[in-house]
């Protein structure tokens, strides 16, 4: 996609919104590496400085994280809950476009103390 240089919105913000949309729609899934500055610069026909600023802001907004020598990666999304609307874990996941799941990491039988058994 081409960004609109004639638009009143700066190119880096337009690019930032494009990358953010790609993260939200799954084009760049959680945990994956995004294209390099050079690749994004070529794809969107903008300078690397423009790409760098967009990526920097997305890092500050917790969408991306940079790993030196490795690249820039999409951060794992966190389930957000609003206190005024109490939702179950499953409802909160679905509201954030995620699929709720669980994983049993350890299973163990323990003997209860008399005090705990009376509760």
PDB file of N, CA and C in Angstrom:
ATOM      1  N   UNK A   1       0.842  -1.183   0.000  1.00  0.00           N
ATOM      2  CA  UNK A   1       0.000   0.000   0.000  1.00  0.00           C
ATOM      3  C   UNK A   1       0.884   1.243   0.000  1.00  0.00           C
ATOM      4  N   UNK A   2       0.419   2.264  -0.675  1.00  0.00           N
ATOM      5  CA  UNK A   2       1.129   3.541  -0.728  1.00  0.00           C
ATOM      6  C   UNK A   2       0.559   4.464   0.333  1.00  0.00           C
ATOM      7  N   UNK A   3       1.447   5.201   0.968  1.00  0.00           N
ATOM      8  CA  UNK A   3       1.022   6.213   1.924  1.00  0.00           C
ATOM      9  C   UNK A   3       0.818   7.507   1.156  1.00  0.00           C
ATOM     10  N   UNK A   4      -0.022   8.375   1.680  1.00  0.00           N
ATOM     11  CA  UNK A   4      -0.370   9.612   0.993  1.00  0.00           C
ATOM     12  C   UNK A   4       0.463  10.774   1.528  1.00  0.00           C
ATOM     13  N   UNK A   5       1.478  11.181   0.755  1.00  0.00           N
ATOM     14  CA  UNK A   5       2.358  12.279   1.173  1.00  0.00           C
ATOM     15  C   UNK A   5       1.614  13.610   1.204  1.00  0.00           C
ATOM     16  N   UNK A   6       0.521  13.730   0.450  1.00  0.00           N
ATOM     17  CA  UNK A   6      -0.255  14.970   0.414  1.00  0.00           C
ATOM     18  C   UNK A   6      -1.222  15.098   1.580  1.00  0.00           C
ATOM     19  N   UNK A   7      -1.338  14.063   2.359  1.00  0.00           N
ATOM     20  CA  UNK A   7      -2.245  14.047   3.504  1.00  0.00           C
ATOM     21  C   UNK A   7      -1.676  14.915   4.619  1.00  0.00           C
ATOM     22  N   UNK A   8      -2.559  15.518   5.416  1.00  0.00           N
ATOM     23  CA  UNK A   8      -2.084  16.341   6.535  1.00  0.00           C
ATOM     24  C   UNK A   8      -1.505  15.497   7.668  1.00  0.00           C
ATOM     25  N   UNK A   9      -1.818  14.212   7.681  1.00  0.00           N
ATOM     26  CA  UNK A   9      -1.261  13.307   8.696  1.00  0.00           C
ATOM     27  C   UNK A   9       0.158  12.943   8.264  1.00  0.00           C
ATOM     28  N   UNK A  10       1.146  13.115   9.155  1.00  0.00           N
ATOM     29  CA  UNK A  10       2.535  12.795   8.796  1.00  0.00           C
ATOM     30  C   UNK A  10       2.690  11.342   8.338  1.00  0.00           C
ATOM     31  N   UNK A  11       3.648  11.121   7.441  1.00  0.00           N
ATOM     32  CA  UNK A  11       3.870   9.781   6.892  1.00  0.00           C
ATOM     33  C   UNK A  11       4.166   8.743   7.970  1.00  0.00           C
ATOM     34  N   UNK A  12       4.954   9.124   8.984  1.00  0.00           N
ATOM     35  CA  UNK A  12       5.289   8.145  10.020  1.00  0.00           C
ATOM     36  C   UNK A  12       4.041   7.696  10.777  1.00  0.00           C
ATOM     37  N   UNK A  13       3.077   8.617  10.967  1.00  0.00           N
ATOM     38  CA  UNK A  13       1.837   8.234  11.654  1.00  0.00           C
ATOM     39  C   UNK A  13       0.975   7.347  10.761  1.00  0.00           C
ATOM     40  N   UNK A  14       0.945   7.648   9.467  1.00  0.00           N
ATOM     41  CA  UNK A  14       0.206   6.794   8.539  1.00  0.00           C
ATOM     42  C   UNK A  14       0.802   5.385   8.541  1.00  0.00           C
ATOM     43  N   UNK A  15       2.134   5.319   8.499  1.00  0.00           N
ATOM     44  CA  UNK A  15       2.813   4.022   8.515  1.00  0.00           C
ATOM     45  C   UNK A  15       2.563   3.296   9.834  1.00  0.00           C
ATOM     46  N   UNK A  16       2.620   4.029  10.927  1.00  0.00           N
ATOM     47  CA  UNK A  16       2.366   3.445  12.250  1.00  0.00           C
ATOM     48  C   UNK A  16       0.980   2.808  12.280  1.00  0.00           C
ATOM     49  N   UNK A  17      -0.016   3.498  11.745  1.00  0.00           N
ATOM     50  CA  UNK A  17      -1.383   2.963  11.719  1.00  0.00           C
ATOM     51  C   UNK A  17      -1.484   1.736  10.818  1.00  0.00           C
ATOM     52  N   UNK A  18      -0.745   1.730   9.710  1.00  0.00           N
ATOM     53  CA  UNK A  18      -0.735   0.562   8.818  1.00  0.00           C
ATOM     54  C   UNK A  18      -0.159  -0.666   9.536  1.00  0.00           C
ATOM     55  N   UNK A  19       0.951  -0.466  10.228  1.00  0.00           N
ATOM     56  CA  UNK A  19       1.579  -1.583  10.950  1.00  0.00           C
ATOM     57  C   UNK A  19       0.677  -2.045  12.088  1.00  0.00           C
ATOM     58  N   UNK A  20       0.088  -1.088  12.795  1.00  0.00           N
ATOM     59  CA  UNK A  20      -0.818  -1.431  13.900  1.00  0.00           C
ATOM     60  C   UNK A  20      -2.007  -2.244  13.377  1.00  0.00           C
ATOM     61  N   UNK A  21      -2.557  -1.844  12.223  1.00  0.00           N
ATOM     62  CA  UNK A  21      -3.678  -2.575  11.625  1.00  0.00           C
ATOM     63  C   UNK A  21      -3.244  -3.993  11.239  1.00  0.00           C
ATOM     64  N   UNK A  22      -2.018  -4.127  10.716  1.00  0.00           N
ATOM     65  CA  UNK A  22      -1.501  -5.446  10.339  1.00  0.00           C
ATOM     66  C   UNK A  22      -1.331  -6.345  11.564  1.00  0.00           C
ATOM     67  N   UNK A  23      -0.985  -5.746  12.688  1.00  0.00           N
ATOM     68  CA  UNK A  23      -0.868  -6.516  13.937  1.00  0.00           C
ATOM     69  C   UNK A  23      -2.253  -6.960  14.391  1.00  0.00           C
ATOM     70  N   UNK A  24      -3.206  -6.032  14.375  1.00  0.00           N
ATOM     71  CA  UNK A  24      -4.556  -6.343  14.860  1.00  0.00           C
ATOM     72  C   UNK A  24      -5.287  -7.344  13.974  1.00  0.00           C
ATOM     73  N   UNK A  25      -5.048  -7.290  12.644  1.00  0.00           N
ATOM     74  CA  UNK A  25      -5.774  -8.218  11.766  1.00  0.00           C
ATOM     75  C   UNK A  25      -5.042  -9.544  11.569  1.00  0.00           C
ATOM     76  N   UNK A  26      -3.884  -9.701  12.218  1.00  0.00           N
ATOM     77  CA  UNK A  26      -3.183 -10.974  12.174  1.00  0.00           C
ATOM     78  C   UNK A  26      -2.164 -11.118  11.055  1.00  0.00           C
ATOM     79  N   UNK A  27      -1.970 -10.084  10.235  1.00  0.00           N
ATOM     80  CA  UNK A  27      -0.940 -10.140   9.202  1.00  0.00           C
ATOM     81  C   UNK A  27       0.429 -10.299   9.855  1.00  0.00           C
ATOM     82  N   UNK A  28       0.638  -9.591  10.955  1.00  0.00           N
ATOM     83  CA  UNK A  28       1.833  -9.751  11.792  1.00  0.00           C
ATOM     84  C   UNK A  28       1.366 -10.337  13.122  1.00  0.00           C
ATOM     85  N   UNK A  29       1.311 -11.668  13.245  1.00  0.00           N
ATOM     86  CA  UNK A  29       0.829 -12.278  14.486  1.00  0.00           C
ATOM     87  C   UNK A  29       1.762 -12.025  15.670  1.00  0.00           C
ATOM     88  N   UNK A  30       1.222 -12.182  16.834  1.00  0.00           N
ATOM     89  CA  UNK A  30       1.955 -12.012  18.084  1.00  0.00           C
ATOM     90  C   UNK A  30       3.204 -12.891  18.096  1.00  0.00           C
ATOM     91  N   UNK A  31       4.349 -12.297  18.448  1.00  0.00           N
ATOM     92  CA  UNK A  31       5.594 -13.039  18.556  1.00  0.00           C
ATOM     93  C   UNK A  31       6.405 -13.139  17.278  1.00  0.00           C
ATOM     94  N   UNK A  32       5.851 -12.681  16.147  1.00  0.00           N
ATOM     95  CA  UNK A  32       6.581 -12.796  14.887  1.00  0.00           C
ATOM     96  C   UNK A  32       7.444 -11.572  14.617  1.00  0.00           C
ATOM     97  N   UNK A  33       8.443 -11.779  13.785  1.00  0.00           N
ATOM     98  CA  UNK A  33       9.349 -10.705  13.388  1.00  0.00           C
ATOM     99  C   UNK A  33       8.699  -9.923  12.250  1.00  0.00           C
ATOM    100  N   UNK A  34       8.748  -8.601  12.342  1.00  0.00           N
ATOM    101  CA  UNK A  34       8.210  -7.785  11.255  1.00  0.00           C
ATOM    102  C   UNK A  34       9.327  -7.533  10.240  1.00  0.00           C
ATOM    103  N   UNK A  35       8.989  -7.079   9.028  1.00  0.00           N
ATOM    104  CA  UNK A  35      10.029  -6.778   8.038  1.00  0.00           C
ATOM    105  C   UNK A  35      11.019  -5.731   8.561  1.00  0.00           C
ATOM    106  N   UNK A  36      12.216  -5.739   7.987  1.00  0.00           N
ATOM    107  CA  UNK A  36      13.261  -4.799   8.392  1.00  0.00           C
ATOM    108  C   UNK A  36      12.892  -3.375   7.984  1.00  0.00           C
ATOM    109  N   UNK A  37      13.636  -2.408   8.536  1.00  0.00           N
ATOM    110  CA  UNK A  37      13.422  -1.004   8.163  1.00  0.00           C
ATOM    111  C   UNK A  37      13.554  -0.828   6.656  1.00  0.00           C
ATOM    112  N   UNK A  38      14.560  -1.452   6.068  1.00  0.00           N
ATOM    113  CA  UNK A  38      14.781  -1.334   4.619  1.00  0.00           C
ATOM    114  C   UNK A  38      13.604  -1.905   3.834  1.00  0.00           C
ATOM    115  N   UNK A  39      13.110  -3.056   4.265  1.00  0.00           N
ATOM    116  CA  UNK A  39      11.979  -3.686   3.568  1.00  0.00           C
ATOM    117  C   UNK A  39      10.720  -2.837   3.681  1.00  0.00           C
ATOM    118  N   UNK A  40      10.450  -2.317   4.881  1.00  0.00           N
ATOM    119  CA  UNK A  40       9.270  -1.460   5.058  1.00  0.00           C
ATOM    120  C   UNK A  40       9.424  -0.164   4.274  1.00  0.00           C
ATOM    121  N   UNK A  41      10.632   0.376   4.263  1.00  0.00           N
ATOM    122  CA  UNK A  41      10.920   1.602   3.528  1.00  0.00           C
ATOM    123  C   UNK A  41      10.624   1.416   2.039  1.00  0.00           C
ATOM    124  N   UNK A  42      11.058   0.287   1.502  1.00  0.00           N
ATOM    125  CA  UNK A  42      10.837  -0.008   0.088  1.00  0.00           C
ATOM    126  C   UNK A  42       9.357  -0.280  -0.198  1.00  0.00           C
ATOM    127  N   UNK A  43       8.729  -1.053   0.661  1.00  0.00           N
ATOM    128  CA  UNK A  43       7.319  -1.413   0.458  1.00  0.00           C
ATOM    129  C   UNK A  43       6.408  -0.194   0.461  1.00  0.00           C
ATOM    130  N   UNK A  44       6.655   0.745   1.396  1.00  0.00           N
ATOM    131  CA  UNK A  44       5.777   1.904   1.529  1.00  0.00           C
ATOM    132  C   UNK A  44       6.333   3.156   0.850  1.00  0.00           C
ATOM    133  N   UNK A  45       7.497   3.013   0.211  1.00  0.00           N
ATOM    134  CA  UNK A  45       8.112   4.117  -0.521  1.00  0.00           C
ATOM    135  C   UNK A  45       8.327   5.349   0.363  1.00  0.00           C
ATOM    136  N   UNK A  46       8.925   5.115   1.530  1.00  0.00           N
ATOM    137  CA  UNK A  46       9.245   6.194   2.472  1.00  0.00           C
ATOM    138  C   UNK A  46      10.696   6.019   2.929  1.00  0.00           C
ATOM    139  N   UNK A  47      11.238   7.030   3.585  1.00  0.00           N
ATOM    140  CA  UNK A  47      12.619   6.950   4.068  1.00  0.00           C
ATOM    141  C   UNK A  47      12.712   6.015   5.277  1.00  0.00           C
ATOM    142  N   UNK A  48      13.923   5.549   5.545  1.00  0.00           N
ATOM    143  CA  UNK A  48      14.137   4.695   6.716  1.00  0.00           C
ATOM    144  C   UNK A  48      13.907   5.472   8.004  1.00  0.00           C
ATOM    145  N   UNK A  49      14.142   6.769   7.978  1.00  0.00           N
ATOM    146  CA  UNK A  49      13.890   7.606   9.160  1.00  0.00           C
ATOM    147  C   UNK A  49      12.400   7.592   9.497  1.00  0.00           C
ATOM    148  N   UNK A  50      11.560   7.641   8.462  1.00  0.00           N
ATOM    149  CA  UNK A  50      10.108   7.581   8.657  1.00  0.00           C
ATOM    150  C   UNK A  50       9.726   6.240   9.277  1.00  0.00           C
ATOM    151  N   UNK A  51      10.295   5.166   8.750  1.00  0.00           N
ATOM    152  CA  UNK A  51      10.024   3.821   9.276  1.00  0.00           C
ATOM    153  C   UNK A  51      10.503   3.728  10.719  1.00  0.00           C
ATOM    154  N   UNK A  52      11.704   4.226  10.973  1.00  0.00           N
ATOM    155  CA  UNK A  52      12.288   4.155  12.321  1.00  0.00           C
ATOM    156  C   UNK A  52      11.396   4.855  13.339  1.00  0.00           C
ATOM    157  N   UNK A  53      10.859   6.024  12.966  1.00  0.00           N
ATOM    158  CA  UNK A  53      10.009   6.776  13.903  1.00  0.00           C
ATOM    159  C   UNK A  53       8.703   6.030  14.172  1.00  0.00           C
ATOM    160  N   UNK A  54       8.104   5.462  13.123  1.00  0.00           N
ATOM    161  CA  UNK A  54       6.861   4.699  13.299  1.00  0.00           C
ATOM    162  C   UNK A  54       7.095   3.495  14.207  1.00  0.00           C
ATOM    163  N   UNK A  55       8.185   2.777  13.968  1.00  0.00           N
ATOM    164  CA  UNK A  55       8.513   1.591  14.769  1.00  0.00           C
ATOM    165  C   UNK A  55       8.819   1.990  16.210  1.00  0.00           C
ATOM    166  N   UNK A  56       9.551   3.082  16.380  1.00  0.00           N
ATOM    167  CA  UNK A  56       9.884   3.559  17.729  1.00  0.00           C
ATOM    168  C   UNK A  56       8.611   3.859  18.528  1.00  0.00           C
ATOM    169  N   UNK A  57       7.652   4.527  17.899  1.00  0.00           N
ATOM    170  CA  UNK A  57       6.399   4.836  18.602  1.00  0.00           C
ATOM    171  C   UNK A  57       5.616   3.571  18.922  1.00  0.00           C
ATOM    172  N   UNK A  58       5.625   2.597  18.012  1.00  0.00           N
ATOM    173  CA  UNK A  58       4.923   1.339  18.279  1.00  0.00           C
ATOM    174  C   UNK A  58       5.595   0.563  19.411  1.00  0.00           C
ATOM    175  N   UNK A  59       6.903   0.706  19.546  1.00  0.00           N
ATOM    176  CA  UNK A  59       7.613   0.095  20.684  1.00  0.00           C
ATOM    177  C   UNK A  59       7.191   0.778  21.982  1.00  0.00           C
ATOM    178  N   UNK A  60       7.085   2.106  21.946  1.00  0.00           N
ATOM    179  CA  UNK A  60       6.678   2.862  23.130  1.00  0.00           C
ATOM    180  C   UNK A  60       5.241   2.548  23.524  1.00  0.00           C
ATOM    181  N   UNK A  61       4.402   2.234  22.532  1.00  0.00           N
ATOM    182  CA  UNK A  61       2.996   1.909  22.801  1.00  0.00           C
ATOM    183  C   UNK A  61       2.802   0.422  23.107  1.00  0.00           C
ATOM    184  N   UNK A  62       3.879  -0.333  23.212  1.00  0.00           N
ATOM    185  CA  UNK A  62       3.853  -1.760  23.569  1.00  0.00           C
ATOM    186  C   UNK A  62       3.284  -2.682  22.489  1.00  0.00           C
ATOM    187  N   UNK A  63       3.355  -2.281  21.237  1.00  0.00           N
ATOM    188  CA  UNK A  63       2.944  -3.159  20.144  1.00  0.00           C
ATOM    189  C   UNK A  63       4.131  -3.983  19.638  1.00  0.00           C
ATOM    190  N   UNK A  64       5.330  -3.383  19.681  1.00  0.00           N
ATOM    191  CA  UNK A  64       6.532  -4.023  19.170  1.00  0.00           C
ATOM    192  C   UNK A  64       7.640  -4.000  20.210  1.00  0.00           C
ATOM    193  N   UNK A  65       8.612  -4.887  20.033  1.00  0.00           N
ATOM    194  CA  UNK A  65       9.823  -4.842  20.863  1.00  0.00           C
ATOM    195  C   UNK A  65      11.018  -5.131  19.963  1.00  0.00           C
ATOM    196  N   UNK A  66      12.106  -4.402  20.204  1.00  0.00           N
ATOM    197  CA  UNK A  66      13.323  -4.583  19.418  1.00  0.00           C
ATOM    198  C   UNK A  66      14.292  -5.465  20.191  1.00  0.00           C
ATOM    199  N   UNK A  67      14.921  -6.391  19.479  1.00  0.00           N
ATOM    200  CA  UNK A  67      15.952  -7.241  20.067  1.00  0.00           C
ATOM    201  C   UNK A  67      17.206  -7.037  19.236  1.00  0.00           C
ATOM    202  N   UNK A  68      18.226  -6.464  19.864  1.00  0.00           N
ATOM    203  CA  UNK A  68      19.444  -6.120  19.146  1.00  0.00           C
ATOM    204  C   UNK A  68      20.032  -7.335  18.439  1.00  0.00           C
ATOM    205  N   UNK A  69      20.311  -7.167  17.163  1.00  0.00           N
ATOM    206  CA  UNK A  69      20.887  -8.241  16.365  1.00  0.00           C
ATOM    207  C   UNK A  69      19.890  -9.282  15.897  1.00  0.00           C
ATOM    208  N   UNK A  70      18.649  -9.187  16.355  1.00  0.00           N
ATOM    209  CA  UNK A  70      17.615 -10.172  16.003  1.00  0.00           C
ATOM    210  C   UNK A  70      16.529  -9.563  15.117  1.00  0.00           C
ATOM    211  N   UNK A  71      16.103  -8.348  15.435  1.00  0.00           N
ATOM    212  CA  UNK A  71      15.042  -7.701  14.675  1.00  0.00           C
ATOM    213  C   UNK A  71      13.986  -7.102  15.582  1.00  0.00           C
ATOM    214  N   UNK A  72      12.871  -6.750  14.971  1.00  0.00           N
ATOM    215  CA  UNK A  72      11.747  -6.159  15.691  1.00  0.00           C
ATOM    216  C   UNK A  72      10.596  -7.152  15.665  1.00  0.00           C
ATOM    217  N   UNK A  73      10.015  -7.389  16.830  1.00  0.00           N
ATOM    218  CA  UNK A  73       8.991  -8.422  16.969  1.00  0.00           C
ATOM    219  C   UNK A  73       7.691  -7.848  17.514  1.00  0.00           C
ATOM    220  N   UNK A  74       6.590  -8.490  17.113  1.00  0.00           N
ATOM    221  CA  UNK A  74       5.274  -8.115  17.635  1.00  0.00           C
ATOM    222  C   UNK A  74       5.185  -8.648  19.055  1.00  0.00           C
ATOM    223  N   UNK A  75       4.843  -7.773  19.982  1.00  0.00           N
ATOM    224  CA  UNK A  75       4.714  -8.194  21.384  1.00  0.00           C
ATOM    225  C   UNK A  75       3.472  -9.057  21.543  1.00  0.00           C
ATOM    226  N   UNK A  76       3.530  -9.947  22.511  1.00  0.00           N
ATOM    227  CA  UNK A  76       2.362 -10.773  22.818  1.00  0.00           C
ATOM    228  C   UNK A  76       1.291  -9.869  23.408  1.00  0.00           C
ATOM    229  N   UNK A  77       0.084 -10.043  22.917  1.00  0.00           N
ATOM    230  CA  UNK A  77      -1.003  -9.195  23.392  1.00  0.00           C
ATOM    231  C   UNK A  77      -1.396  -9.584  24.801  1.00  0.00           C
ATOM    232  N   UNK A  78      -1.790  -8.597  25.542  1.00  0.00           N
ATOM    233  CA  UNK A  78      -2.225  -8.809  26.918  1.00  0.00           C
ATOM    234  C   UNK A  78      -3.737  -8.654  26.966  1.00  0.00           C
ATOM    235  N   UNK A  79      -4.366  -9.457  27.790  1.00  0.00           N
ATOM    236  CA  UNK A  79      -5.808  -9.342  27.961  1.00  0.00           C
ATOM    237  C   UNK A  79      -6.081  -8.097  28.792  1.00  0.00           C
ATOM    238  N   UNK A  80      -6.904  -7.221  28.241  1.00  0.00           N
ATOM    239  CA  UNK A  80      -7.240  -5.984  28.948  1.00  0.00           C
ATOM    240  C   UNK A  80      -8.641  -6.112  29.526  1.00  0.00           C
ATOM    241  N   UNK A  81      -8.775  -5.742  30.771  1.00  0.00           N
ATOM    242  CA  UNK A  81     -10.083  -5.771  31.427  1.00  0.00           C
ATOM    243  C   UNK A  81     -10.394  -4.393  31.963  1.00  0.00           C
ATOM    244  N   UNK A  82     -11.605  -3.950  31.729  1.00  0.00           N
ATOM    245  CA  UNK A  82     -12.045  -2.680  32.296  1.00  0.00           C
ATOM    246  C   UNK A  82     -12.749  -2.981  33.607  1.00  0.00           C
ATOM    247  N   UNK A  83     -12.374  -2.262  34.634  1.00  0.00           N
ATOM    248  CA  UNK A  83     -12.911  -2.533  35.963  1.00  0.00           C
ATOM    249  C   UNK A  83     -14.410  -2.275  36.036  1.00  0.00           C
ATOM    250  N   UNK A  84     -14.894  -1.262  35.308  1.00  0.00           N
ATOM    251  CA  UNK A  84     -16.325  -0.971  35.412  1.00  0.00           C
ATOM    252  C   UNK A  84     -17.192  -2.044  34.748  1.00  0.00           C
ATOM    253  N   UNK A  85     -16.580  -2.873  33.902  1.00  0.00           N
ATOM    254  CA  UNK A  85     -17.305  -3.971  33.260  1.00  0.00           C
ATOM    255  C   UNK A  85     -16.608  -5.268  33.642  1.00  0.00           C
ATOM    256  N   UNK A  86     -17.044  -5.879  34.700  1.00  0.00           N
ATOM    257  CA  UNK A  86     -16.400  -7.111  35.135  1.00  0.00           C
ATOM    258  C   UNK A  86     -16.753  -8.245  34.182  1.00  0.00           C
ATOM    259  N   UNK A  87     -15.732  -8.814  33.584  1.00  0.00           N
ATOM    260  CA  UNK A  87     -15.905  -9.912  32.647  1.00  0.00           C
ATOM    261  C   UNK A  87     -15.158 -11.130  33.170  1.00  0.00           C
ATOM    262  N   UNK A  88     -15.640 -12.280  32.775  1.00  0.00           N
ATOM    263  CA  UNK A  88     -14.893 -13.493  33.094  1.00  0.00           C
ATOM    264  C   UNK A  88     -13.634 -13.512  32.228  1.00  0.00           C
ATOM    265  N   UNK A  89     -12.710 -14.392  32.544  1.00  0.00           N
ATOM    266  CA  UNK A  89     -11.489 -14.505  31.751  1.00  0.00           C
ATOM    267  C   UNK A  89     -11.833 -14.800  30.293  1.00  0.00           C
ATOM    268  N   UNK A  90     -12.751 -15.728  30.073  1.00  0.00           N
ATOM    269  CA  UNK A  90     -13.153 -16.094  28.713  1.00  0.00           C
ATOM    270  C   UNK A  90     -13.772 -14.935  27.960  1.00  0.00           C
ATOM    271  N   UNK A  91     -14.649 -14.188  28.629  1.00  0.00           N
ATOM    272  CA  UNK A  91     -15.281 -13.027  27.994  1.00  0.00           C
ATOM    273  C   UNK A  91     -14.253 -11.953  27.661  1.00  0.00           C
ATOM    274  N   UNK A  92     -13.290 -11.736  28.569  1.00  0.00           N
ATOM    275  CA  UNK A  92     -12.248 -10.732  28.336  1.00  0.00           C
ATOM    276  C   UNK A  92     -11.378 -11.132  27.144  1.00  0.00           C
ATOM    277  N   UNK A  93     -11.055 -12.416  27.041  1.00  0.00           N
ATOM    278  CA  UNK A  93     -10.270 -12.888  25.897  1.00  0.00           C
ATOM    279  C   UNK A  93     -11.022 -12.657  24.595  1.00  0.00           C
ATOM    280  N   UNK A  94     -12.285 -13.062  24.570  1.00  0.00           N
ATOM    281  CA  UNK A  94     -13.089 -12.905  23.358  1.00  0.00           C
ATOM    282  C   UNK A  94     -13.253 -11.438  22.985  1.00  0.00           C
ATOM    283  N   UNK A  95     -13.413 -10.566  23.977  1.00  0.00           N
ATOM    284  CA  UNK A  95     -13.556  -9.131  23.721  1.00  0.00           C
ATOM    285  C   UNK A  95     -12.282  -8.541  23.120  1.00  0.00           C
ATOM    286  N   UNK A  96     -11.134  -9.178  23.371  1.00  0.00           N
ATOM    287  CA  UNK A  96      -9.853  -8.725  22.827  1.00  0.00           C
ATOM    288  C   UNK A  96      -9.446  -9.514  21.582  1.00  0.00           C
ATOM    289  N   UNK A  97     -10.398 -10.277  21.017  1.00  0.00           N
ATOM    290  CA  UNK A  97     -10.123 -11.023  19.797  1.00  0.00           C
ATOM    291  C   UNK A  97      -9.237 -12.240  19.994  1.00  0.00           C
ATOM    292  N   UNK A  98      -9.217 -12.770  21.209  1.00  0.00           N
ATOM    293  CA  UNK A  98      -8.381 -13.930  21.510  1.00  0.00           C
ATOM    294  C   UNK A  98      -9.263 -15.129  21.822  1.00  0.00           C
ATOM    295  N   UNK A  99      -8.684 -16.310  21.771  1.00  0.00           N
ATOM    296  CA  UNK A  99      -9.406 -17.534  22.103  1.00  0.00           C
ATOM    297  C   UNK A  99      -8.939 -17.984  23.486  1.00  0.00           C
ATOM    298  N   UNK A 100      -9.867 -18.070  24.453  1.00  0.00           N
ATOM    299  CA  UNK A 100      -9.456 -18.490  25.793  1.00  0.00           C
ATOM    300  C   UNK A 100      -9.007 -19.951  25.787  1.00  0.00           C
ATOM    301  N   UNK A 101      -7.991 -20.235  26.569  1.00  0.00           N
ATOM    302  CA  UNK A 101      -7.523 -21.615  26.683  1.00  0.00           C
ATOM    303  C   UNK A 101      -6.870 -21.796  28.045  1.00  0.00           C
ATOM    304  N   UNK A 102      -6.564 -23.023  28.377  1.00  0.00           N
ATOM    305  CA  UNK A 102      -5.881 -23.287  29.641  1.00  0.00           C
ATOM    306  C   UNK A 102      -4.886 -24.409  29.403  1.00  0.00           C
ATOM    307  N   UNK A 103      -3.898 -24.455  30.264  1.00  0.00           N
ATOM    308  CA  UNK A 103      -2.861 -25.460  30.171  1.00  0.00           C
ATOM    309  C   UNK A 103      -2.502 -25.903  31.574  1.00  0.00           C
ATOM    310  N   UNK A 104      -2.663 -27.194  31.838  1.00  0.00           N
ATOM    311  CA  UNK A 104      -2.301 -27.743  33.142  1.00  0.00           C
ATOM    312  C   UNK A 104      -0.799 -27.987  33.116  1.00  0.00           C
ATOM    313  N   UNK A 105      -0.082 -27.324  34.011  1.00  0.00           N
ATOM    314  CA  UNK A 105       1.375 -27.465  34.034  1.00  0.00           C
ATOM    315  C   UNK A 105       1.848 -28.449  35.096  1.00  0.00           C
ATOM    316  N   UNK A 106       1.011 -28.668  36.109  1.00  0.00           N
ATOM    317  CA  UNK A 106       1.406 -29.583  37.178  1.00  0.00           C
ATOM    318  C   UNK A 106       0.149 -30.118  37.852  1.00  0.00           C
ATOM    319  N   UNK A 107       0.167 -31.407  38.151  1.00  0.00           N
ATOM    320  CA  UNK A 107      -0.958 -32.007  38.858  1.00  0.00           C
ATOM    321  C   UNK A 107      -0.386 -32.822  39.995  1.00  0.00           C
ATOM    322  N   UNK A 108      -0.938 -32.599  41.203  1.00  0.00           N
ATOM    323  CA  UNK A 108      -0.354 -33.237  42.377  1.00  0.00           C
ATOM    324  C   UNK A 108      -1.419 -33.383  43.458  1.00  0.00           C
ATOM    325  N   UNK A 109      -1.408 -34.495  44.168  1.00  0.00           N
ATOM    326  CA  UNK A 109      -2.293 -34.695  45.308  1.00  0.00           C
ATOM    327  C   UNK A 109      -1.555 -34.266  46.566  1.00  0.00           C
ATOM    328  N   UNK A 110      -2.240 -33.496  47.392  1.00  0.00           N
ATOM    329  CA  UNK A 110      -1.638 -33.076  48.661  1.00  0.00           C
ATOM    330  C   UNK A 110      -2.599 -33.399  49.791  1.00  0.00           C
ATOM    331  N   UNK A 111      -2.043 -33.712  50.943  1.00  0.00           N
ATOM    332  CA  UNK A 111      -2.860 -34.010  52.106  1.00  0.00           C
ATOM    333  C   UNK A 111      -3.187 -32.694  52.799  1.00  0.00           C
ATOM    334  N   UNK A 112      -4.470 -32.487  53.088  1.00  0.00           N
ATOM    335  CA  UNK A 112      -4.906 -31.265  53.761  1.00  0.00           C
ATOM    336  C   UNK A 112      -4.627 -31.336  55.254  1.00  0.00           C
ATOM    337  N   UNK A 113      -4.304 -30.197  55.792  1.00  0.00           N
ATOM    338  CA  UNK A 113      -4.170 -30.127  57.249  1.00  0.00           C
ATOM    339  C   UNK A 113      -5.582 -30.135  57.829  1.00  0.00           C
ATOM    340  N   UNK A 114      -5.710 -30.426  59.101  1.00  0.00           N
ATOM    341  CA  UNK A 114      -7.035 -30.445  59.742  1.00  0.00           C
ATOM    342  C   UNK A 114      -7.711 -29.086  59.610  1.00  0.00           C
ATOM    343  N   UNK A 115      -6.935 -28.027  59.763  1.00  0.00           N
ATOM    344  CA  UNK A 115      -7.472 -26.664  59.679  1.00  0.00           C
ATOM    345  C   UNK A 115      -8.050 -26.385  58.284  1.00  0.00           C
ATOM    346  N   UNK A 116      -7.316 -26.761  57.231  1.00  0.00           N
ATOM    347  CA  UNK A 116      -7.790 -26.542  55.863  1.00  0.00           C
ATOM    348  C   UNK A 116      -8.982 -27.440  55.540  1.00  0.00           C
ATOM    349  N   UNK A 117      -9.018 -28.637  56.096  1.00  0.00           N
ATOM    350  CA  UNK A 117     -10.101 -29.571  55.830  1.00  0.00           C
ATOM    351  C   UNK A 117     -11.426 -29.073  56.398  1.00  0.00           C
ATOM    352  N   UNK A 118     -11.382 -28.253  57.441  1.00  0.00           N
ATOM    353  CA  UNK A 118     -12.608 -27.758  58.057  1.00  0.00           C
ATOM    354  C   UNK A 118     -13.203 -26.569  57.304  1.00  0.00           C
ATOM    355  N   UNK A 119     -12.475 -25.992  56.406  1.00  0.00           N
ATOM    356  CA  UNK A 119     -12.963 -24.816  55.665  1.00  0.00           C
ATOM    357  C   UNK A 119     -13.890 -25.208  54.608  1.00  0.00           C
TER     358      UNK A 119
END
